[in-house]
Amino acid sequence: MYMSLTEFPQVQALSFYQKLELLDEIWKSVSEDPSLLAVTQHEKDLLDQRWKGYLQSPESALTVDQFKQKLNTLRS
């Protein structure tokens, strides 16, 4: 289920720091049960595959700036 900030005008009205505090509270509530944050075997395999690909061709990795630019392009 996807939620959008536009659905929560009270949250939108919070200051930057109030939003950070809320985010911290939300994170604490979801991290109370570490088993819910467990990485599946499929995810581990995918990470291993990507790491091997990087080791074979490190130049294929994006720099932080390249990543940010690509992300901003996708958001537009």
PDB file of N, CA and C in Angstrom:
ATOM      1  N   MET A   1       0.841  -1.170   0.000  1.00  0.00           N
ATOM      2  CA  MET A   1       0.000   0.000   0.000  1.00  0.00           C
ATOM      3  C   MET A   1       0.891   1.239   0.000  1.00  0.00           C
ATOM      4  N   TYR A   2       0.675   2.096  -0.948  1.00  0.00           N
ATOM      5  CA  TYR A   2       1.455   3.332  -1.068  1.00  0.00           C
ATOM      6  C   TYR A   2       0.677   4.478  -0.459  1.00  0.00           C
ATOM      7  N   MET A   3       1.355   5.271   0.352  1.00  0.00           N
ATOM      8  CA  MET A   3       0.744   6.466   0.920  1.00  0.00           C
ATOM      9  C   MET A   3       1.516   7.678   0.441  1.00  0.00           C
ATOM     10  N   SER A   4       0.807   8.740   0.247  1.00  0.00           N
ATOM     11  CA  SER A   4       1.412   9.990  -0.201  1.00  0.00           C
ATOM     12  C   SER A   4       1.275  11.037   0.899  1.00  0.00           C
ATOM     13  N   LEU A   5       2.268  11.882   0.992  1.00  0.00           N
ATOM     14  CA  LEU A   5       2.236  12.949   1.993  1.00  0.00           C
ATOM     15  C   LEU A   5       1.026  13.857   1.799  1.00  0.00           C
ATOM     16  N   THR A   6       0.553  13.958   0.574  1.00  0.00           N
ATOM     17  CA  THR A   6      -0.609  14.812   0.312  1.00  0.00           C
ATOM     18  C   THR A   6      -1.859  14.316   1.037  1.00  0.00           C
ATOM     19  N   GLU A   7      -1.857  13.063   1.442  1.00  0.00           N
ATOM     20  CA  GLU A   7      -2.992  12.506   2.179  1.00  0.00           C
ATOM     21  C   GLU A   7      -2.988  12.912   3.650  1.00  0.00           C
ATOM     22  N   PHE A   8      -1.915  13.567   4.090  1.00  0.00           N
ATOM     23  CA  PHE A   8      -1.759  13.912   5.498  1.00  0.00           C
ATOM     24  C   PHE A   8      -1.427  15.397   5.661  1.00  0.00           C
ATOM     25  N   PRO A   9      -2.437  16.249   5.525  1.00  0.00           N
ATOM     26  CA  PRO A   9      -2.182  17.688   5.615  1.00  0.00           C
ATOM     27  C   PRO A   9      -1.578  18.103   6.956  1.00  0.00           C
ATOM     28  N   GLN A  10      -1.915  17.390   8.030  1.00  0.00           N
ATOM     29  CA  GLN A  10      -1.336  17.727   9.341  1.00  0.00           C
ATOM     30  C   GLN A  10       0.178  17.507   9.329  1.00  0.00           C
ATOM     31  N   VAL A  11       0.610  16.475   8.649  1.00  0.00           N
ATOM     32  CA  VAL A  11       2.048  16.207   8.556  1.00  0.00           C
ATOM     33  C   VAL A  11       2.701  17.253   7.664  1.00  0.00           C
ATOM     34  N   GLN A  12       2.049  17.597   6.587  1.00  0.00           N
ATOM     35  CA  GLN A  12       2.587  18.619   5.686  1.00  0.00           C
ATOM     36  C   GLN A  12       2.802  19.944   6.414  1.00  0.00           C
ATOM     37  N   ALA A  13       1.956  20.233   7.373  1.00  0.00           N
ATOM     38  CA  ALA A  13       2.028  21.505   8.079  1.00  0.00           C
ATOM     39  C   ALA A  13       3.152  21.551   9.119  1.00  0.00           C
ATOM     40  N   LEU A  14       3.744  20.410   9.419  1.00  0.00           N
ATOM     41  CA  LEU A  14       4.815  20.372  10.417  1.00  0.00           C
ATOM     42  C   LEU A  14       6.065  21.066   9.889  1.00  0.00           C
ATOM     43  N   SER A  15       6.853  21.572  10.813  1.00  0.00           N
ATOM     44  CA  SER A  15       8.139  22.151  10.432  1.00  0.00           C
ATOM     45  C   SER A  15       9.098  21.029  10.037  1.00  0.00           C
ATOM     46  N   PHE A  16      10.201  21.411   9.446  1.00  0.00           N
ATOM     47  CA  PHE A  16      11.215  20.440   9.036  1.00  0.00           C
ATOM     48  C   PHE A  16      11.639  19.566  10.216  1.00  0.00           C
ATOM     49  N   TYR A  17      11.928  20.186  11.345  1.00  0.00           N
ATOM     50  CA  TYR A  17      12.405  19.437  12.508  1.00  0.00           C
ATOM     51  C   TYR A  17      11.310  18.575  13.127  1.00  0.00           C
ATOM     52  N   GLN A  18      10.080  19.040  13.083  1.00  0.00           N
ATOM     53  CA  GLN A  18       8.967  18.226  13.568  1.00  0.00           C
ATOM     54  C   GLN A  18       8.793  16.985  12.693  1.00  0.00           C
ATOM     55  N   LYS A  19       8.980  17.160  11.386  1.00  0.00           N
ATOM     56  CA  LYS A  19       8.899  16.009  10.479  1.00  0.00           C
ATOM     57  C   LYS A  19      10.007  15.011  10.780  1.00  0.00           C
ATOM     58  N   LEU A  20      11.204  15.510  11.077  1.00  0.00           N
ATOM     59  CA  LEU A  20      12.301  14.608  11.436  1.00  0.00           C
ATOM     60  C   LEU A  20      11.988  13.845  12.722  1.00  0.00           C
ATOM     61  N   GLU A  21      11.410  14.528  13.683  1.00  0.00           N
ATOM     62  CA  GLU A  21      11.027  13.862  14.931  1.00  0.00           C
ATOM     63  C   GLU A  21       9.975  12.789  14.674  1.00  0.00           C
ATOM     64  N   LEU A  22       9.011  13.107  13.829  1.00  0.00           N
ATOM     65  CA  LEU A  22       7.986  12.127  13.477  1.00  0.00           C
ATOM     66  C   LEU A  22       8.609  10.934  12.763  1.00  0.00           C
ATOM     67  N   LEU A  23       9.505  11.214  11.851  1.00  0.00           N
ATOM     68  CA  LEU A  23      10.200  10.148  11.138  1.00  0.00           C
ATOM     69  C   LEU A  23      10.942   9.239  12.111  1.00  0.00           C
ATOM     70  N   ASP A  24      11.591   9.837  13.099  1.00  0.00           N
ATOM     71  CA  ASP A  24      12.299   9.062  14.106  1.00  0.00           C
ATOM     72  C   ASP A  24      11.337   8.170  14.886  1.00  0.00           C
ATOM     73  N   GLU A  25      10.189   8.710  15.250  1.00  0.00           N
ATOM     74  CA  GLU A  25       9.186   7.923  15.972  1.00  0.00           C
ATOM     75  C   GLU A  25       8.666   6.764  15.118  1.00  0.00           C
ATOM     76  N   ILE A  26       8.425   7.039  13.855  1.00  0.00           N
ATOM     77  CA  ILE A  26       7.954   5.976  12.953  1.00  0.00           C
ATOM     78  C   ILE A  26       9.017   4.893  12.832  1.00  0.00           C
ATOM     79  N   TRP A  27      10.285   5.315  12.651  1.00  0.00           N
ATOM     80  CA  TRP A  27      11.363   4.335  12.517  1.00  0.00           C
ATOM     81  C   TRP A  27      11.468   3.471  13.770  1.00  0.00           C
ATOM     82  N   LYS A  28      11.364   4.083  14.931  1.00  0.00           N
ATOM     83  CA  LYS A  28      11.431   3.317  16.183  1.00  0.00           C
ATOM     84  C   LYS A  28      10.318   2.279  16.229  1.00  0.00           C
ATOM     85  N   SER A  29       9.135   2.660  15.771  1.00  0.00           N
ATOM     86  CA  SER A  29       8.009   1.729  15.835  1.00  0.00           C
ATOM     87  C   SER A  29       8.171   0.555  14.871  1.00  0.00           C
ATOM     88  N   VAL A  30       8.766   0.783  13.711  1.00  0.00           N
ATOM     89  CA  VAL A  30       8.924  -0.332  12.769  1.00  0.00           C
ATOM     90  C   VAL A  30      10.160  -1.168  13.066  1.00  0.00           C
ATOM     91  N   SER A  31      11.103  -0.603  13.787  1.00  0.00           N
ATOM     92  CA  SER A  31      12.326  -1.363  14.069  1.00  0.00           C
ATOM     93  C   SER A  31      12.245  -2.133  15.383  1.00  0.00           C
ATOM     94  N   GLU A  32      11.108  -2.072  16.050  1.00  0.00           N
ATOM     95  CA  GLU A  32      10.943  -2.812  17.298  1.00  0.00           C
ATOM     96  C   GLU A  32      11.013  -4.311  17.085  1.00  0.00           C
ATOM     97  N   ASP A  33      10.618  -4.763  15.924  1.00  0.00           N
ATOM     98  CA  ASP A  33      10.654  -6.193  15.615  1.00  0.00           C
ATOM     99  C   ASP A  33      11.660  -6.415  14.492  1.00  0.00           C
ATOM    100  N   PRO A  34      12.927  -6.718  14.839  1.00  0.00           N
ATOM    101  CA  PRO A  34      13.974  -6.871  13.821  1.00  0.00           C
ATOM    102  C   PRO A  34      13.675  -7.956  12.786  1.00  0.00           C
ATOM    103  N   SER A  35      12.857  -8.922  13.152  1.00  0.00           N
ATOM    104  CA  SER A  35      12.548  -9.992  12.187  1.00  0.00           C
ATOM    105  C   SER A  35      11.805  -9.441  10.973  1.00  0.00           C
ATOM    106  N   LEU A  36      11.095  -8.330  11.152  1.00  0.00           N
ATOM    107  CA  LEU A  36      10.387  -7.722  10.027  1.00  0.00           C
ATOM    108  C   LEU A  36      11.344  -7.039   9.065  1.00  0.00           C
ATOM    109  N   LEU A  37      12.559  -6.749   9.532  1.00  0.00           N
ATOM    110  CA  LEU A  37      13.547  -6.079   8.705  1.00  0.00           C
ATOM    111  C   LEU A  37      14.551  -7.070   8.108  1.00  0.00           C
ATOM    112  N   ALA A  38      14.301  -8.332   8.309  1.00  0.00           N
ATOM    113  CA  ALA A  38      15.229  -9.354   7.838  1.00  0.00           C
ATOM    114  C   ALA A  38      15.345  -9.336   6.319  1.00  0.00           C
ATOM    115  N   VAL A  39      16.542  -9.628   5.844  1.00  0.00           N
ATOM    116  CA  VAL A  39      16.812  -9.703   4.407  1.00  0.00           C
ATOM    117  C   VAL A  39      16.531 -11.134   3.965  1.00  0.00           C
ATOM    118  N   THR A  40      15.750 -11.279   2.919  1.00  0.00           N
ATOM    119  CA  THR A  40      15.426 -12.611   2.420  1.00  0.00           C
ATOM    120  C   THR A  40      16.612 -13.206   1.675  1.00  0.00           C
ATOM    121  N   GLN A  41      16.579 -14.491   1.476  1.00  0.00           N
ATOM    122  CA  GLN A  41      17.652 -15.148   0.721  1.00  0.00           C
ATOM    123  C   GLN A  41      17.710 -14.616  -0.702  1.00  0.00           C
ATOM    124  N   HIS A  42      16.555 -14.366  -1.293  1.00  0.00           N
ATOM    125  CA  HIS A  42      16.509 -13.805  -2.644  1.00  0.00           C
ATOM    126  C   HIS A  42      17.223 -12.456  -2.687  1.00  0.00           C
ATOM    127  N   GLU A  43      16.968 -11.612  -1.694  1.00  0.00           N
ATOM    128  CA  GLU A  43      17.622 -10.305  -1.642  1.00  0.00           C
ATOM    129  C   GLU A  43      19.129 -10.446  -1.450  1.00  0.00           C
ATOM    130  N   LYS A  44      19.536 -11.403  -0.612  1.00  0.00           N
ATOM    131  CA  LYS A  44      20.968 -11.656  -0.408  1.00  0.00           C
ATOM    132  C   LYS A  44      21.620 -12.108  -1.707  1.00  0.00           C
ATOM    133  N   ASP A  45      20.947 -12.997  -2.421  1.00  0.00           N
ATOM    134  CA  ASP A  45      21.482 -13.490  -3.701  1.00  0.00           C
ATOM    135  C   ASP A  45      21.615 -12.341  -4.701  1.00  0.00           C
ATOM    136  N   LEU A  46      20.620 -11.479  -4.739  1.00  0.00           N
ATOM    137  CA  LEU A  46      20.649 -10.340  -5.644  1.00  0.00           C
ATOM    138  C   LEU A  46      21.808  -9.400  -5.296  1.00  0.00           C
ATOM    139  N   LEU A  47      22.005  -9.142  -4.015  1.00  0.00           N
ATOM    140  CA  LEU A  47      23.118  -8.300  -3.587  1.00  0.00           C
ATOM    141  C   LEU A  47      24.459  -8.941  -3.940  1.00  0.00           C
ATOM    142  N   ASP A  48      24.575 -10.245  -3.738  1.00  0.00           N
ATOM    143  CA  ASP A  48      25.811 -10.954  -4.105  1.00  0.00           C
ATOM    144  C   ASP A  48      26.082 -10.841  -5.600  1.00  0.00           C
ATOM    145  N   GLN A  49      25.034 -11.011  -6.400  1.00  0.00           N
ATOM    146  CA  GLN A  49      25.164 -10.912  -7.847  1.00  0.00           C
ATOM    147  C   GLN A  49      25.616  -9.513  -8.257  1.00  0.00           C
ATOM    148  N   ARG A  50      25.022  -8.501  -7.660  1.00  0.00           N
ATOM    149  CA  ARG A  50      25.391  -7.119  -7.994  1.00  0.00           C
ATOM    150  C   ARG A  50      26.814  -6.799  -7.535  1.00  0.00           C
ATOM    151  N   TRP A  51      27.209  -7.313  -6.378  1.00  0.00           N
ATOM    152  CA  TRP A  51      28.568  -7.083  -5.879  1.00  0.00           C
ATOM    153  C   TRP A  51      29.590  -7.734  -6.805  1.00  0.00           C
ATOM    154  N   LYS A  52      29.305  -8.950  -7.256  1.00  0.00           N
ATOM    155  CA  LYS A  52      30.210  -9.625  -8.198  1.00  0.00           C
ATOM    156  C   LYS A  52      30.317  -8.836  -9.498  1.00  0.00           C
ATOM    157  N   GLY A  53      29.199  -8.316  -9.964  1.00  0.00           N
ATOM    158  CA  GLY A  53      29.204  -7.495 -11.170  1.00  0.00           C
ATOM    159  C   GLY A  53      30.047  -6.250 -10.992  1.00  0.00           C
ATOM    160  N   TYR A  54      29.950  -5.635  -9.826  1.00  0.00           N
ATOM    161  CA  TYR A  54      30.761  -4.456  -9.543  1.00  0.00           C
ATOM    162  C   TYR A  54      32.246  -4.815  -9.505  1.00  0.00           C
ATOM    163  N   LEU A  55      32.579  -5.904  -8.839  1.00  0.00           N
ATOM    164  CA  LEU A  55      33.988  -6.305  -8.742  1.00  0.00           C
ATOM    165  C   LEU A  55      34.579  -6.608 -10.118  1.00  0.00           C
ATOM    166  N   GLN A  56      33.772  -7.150 -11.014  1.00  0.00           N
ATOM    167  CA  GLN A  56      34.233  -7.455 -12.366  1.00  0.00           C
ATOM    168  C   GLN A  56      34.354  -6.201 -13.217  1.00  0.00           C
ATOM    169  N   SER A  57      33.558  -5.186 -12.899  1.00  0.00           N
ATOM    170  CA  SER A  57      33.550  -3.978 -13.722  1.00  0.00           C
ATOM    171  C   SER A  57      33.256  -2.750 -12.850  1.00  0.00           C
ATOM    172  N   PRO A  58      34.219  -2.351 -11.996  1.00  0.00           N
ATOM    173  CA  PRO A  58      33.956  -1.231 -11.080  1.00  0.00           C
ATOM    174  C   PRO A  58      33.643   0.084 -11.784  1.00  0.00           C
ATOM    175  N   GLU A  59      34.111   0.246 -13.003  1.00  0.00           N
ATOM    176  CA  GLU A  59      33.832   1.497 -13.727  1.00  0.00           C
ATOM    177  C   GLU A  59      32.364   1.631 -14.107  1.00  0.00           C
ATOM    178  N   SER A  60      31.624   0.542 -14.017  1.00  0.00           N
ATOM    179  CA  SER A  60      30.204   0.601 -14.354  1.00  0.00           C
ATOM    180  C   SER A  60      29.372   1.238 -13.235  1.00  0.00           C
ATOM    181  N   ALA A  61      29.956   1.404 -12.063  1.00  0.00           N
ATOM    182  CA  ALA A  61      29.238   1.993 -10.935  1.00  0.00           C
ATOM    183  C   ALA A  61      29.095   3.502 -11.140  1.00  0.00           C
ATOM    184  N   LEU A  62      28.022   4.046 -10.606  1.00  0.00           N
ATOM    185  CA  LEU A  62      27.784   5.478 -10.687  1.00  0.00           C
ATOM    186  C   LEU A  62      28.460   6.186  -9.521  1.00  0.00           C
ATOM    187  N   THR A  63      28.931   7.394  -9.762  1.00  0.00           N
ATOM    188  CA  THR A  63      29.380   8.237  -8.672  1.00  0.00           C
ATOM    189  C   THR A  63      28.139   8.763  -7.958  1.00  0.00           C
ATOM    190  N   VAL A  64      28.327   9.349  -6.789  1.00  0.00           N
ATOM    191  CA  VAL A  64      27.194   9.918  -6.058  1.00  0.00           C
ATOM    192  C   VAL A  64      26.513  10.995  -6.903  1.00  0.00           C
ATOM    193  N   ASP A  65      27.307  11.838  -7.544  1.00  0.00           N
ATOM    194  CA  ASP A  65      26.731  12.900  -8.375  1.00  0.00           C
ATOM    195  C   ASP A  65      25.950  12.330  -9.560  1.00  0.00           C
ATOM    196  N   GLN A  66      26.488  11.286 -10.192  1.00  0.00           N
ATOM    197  CA  GLN A  66      25.784  10.652 -11.309  1.00  0.00           C
ATOM    198  C   GLN A  66      24.466  10.038 -10.834  1.00  0.00           C
ATOM    199  N   PHE A  67      24.507   9.414  -9.662  1.00  0.00           N
ATOM    200  CA  PHE A  67      23.306   8.808  -9.100  1.00  0.00           C
ATOM    201  C   PHE A  67      22.245   9.870  -8.825  1.00  0.00           C
ATOM    202  N   LYS A  68      22.651  10.980  -8.197  1.00  0.00           N
ATOM    203  CA  LYS A  68      21.715  12.057  -7.897  1.00  0.00           C
ATOM    204  C   LYS A  68      21.094  12.618  -9.174  1.00  0.00           C
ATOM    205  N   GLN A  69      21.925  12.796 -10.206  1.00  0.00           N
ATOM    206  CA  GLN A  69      21.427  13.323 -11.471  1.00  0.00           C
ATOM    207  C   GLN A  69      20.417  12.353 -12.086  1.00  0.00           C
ATOM    208  N   LYS A  70      20.736  11.078 -12.067  1.00  0.00           N
ATOM    209  CA  LYS A  70      19.831  10.076 -12.627  1.00  0.00           C
ATOM    210  C   LYS A  70      18.524  10.036 -11.835  1.00  0.00           C
ATOM    211  N   LEU A  71      18.623  10.107 -10.521  1.00  0.00           N
ATOM    212  CA  LEU A  71      17.447  10.103  -9.679  1.00  0.00           C
ATOM    213  C   LEU A  71      16.568  11.321  -9.937  1.00  0.00           C
ATOM    214  N   ASN A  72      17.188  12.486 -10.062  1.00  0.00           N
ATOM    215  CA  ASN A  72      16.425  13.700 -10.343  1.00  0.00           C
ATOM    216  C   ASN A  72      15.754  13.634 -11.707  1.00  0.00           C
ATOM    217  N   THR A  73      16.426  13.025 -12.672  1.00  0.00           N
ATOM    218  CA  THR A  73      15.843  12.854 -13.996  1.00  0.00           C
ATOM    219  C   THR A  73      14.619  11.942 -13.930  1.00  0.00           C
ATOM    220  N   LEU A  74      14.720  10.864 -13.153  1.00  0.00           N
ATOM    221  CA  LEU A  74      13.598   9.936 -13.033  1.00  0.00           C
ATOM    222  C   LEU A  74      12.415  10.563 -12.300  1.00  0.00           C
ATOM    223  N   ARG A  75      12.700  11.469 -11.396  1.00  0.00           N
ATOM    224  CA  ARG A  75      11.635  12.130 -10.635  1.00  0.00           C
ATOM    225  C   ARG A  75      10.913  13.186 -11.450  1.00  0.00           C
ATOM    226  N   SER A  76      11.554  13.687 -12.487  1.00  0.00           N
ATOM    227  CA  SER A  76      10.960  14.757 -13.298  1.00  0.00           C
ATOM    228  C   SER A  76       9.857  14.253 -14.197  1.00  0.00           C
TER     229      SER A  76
END
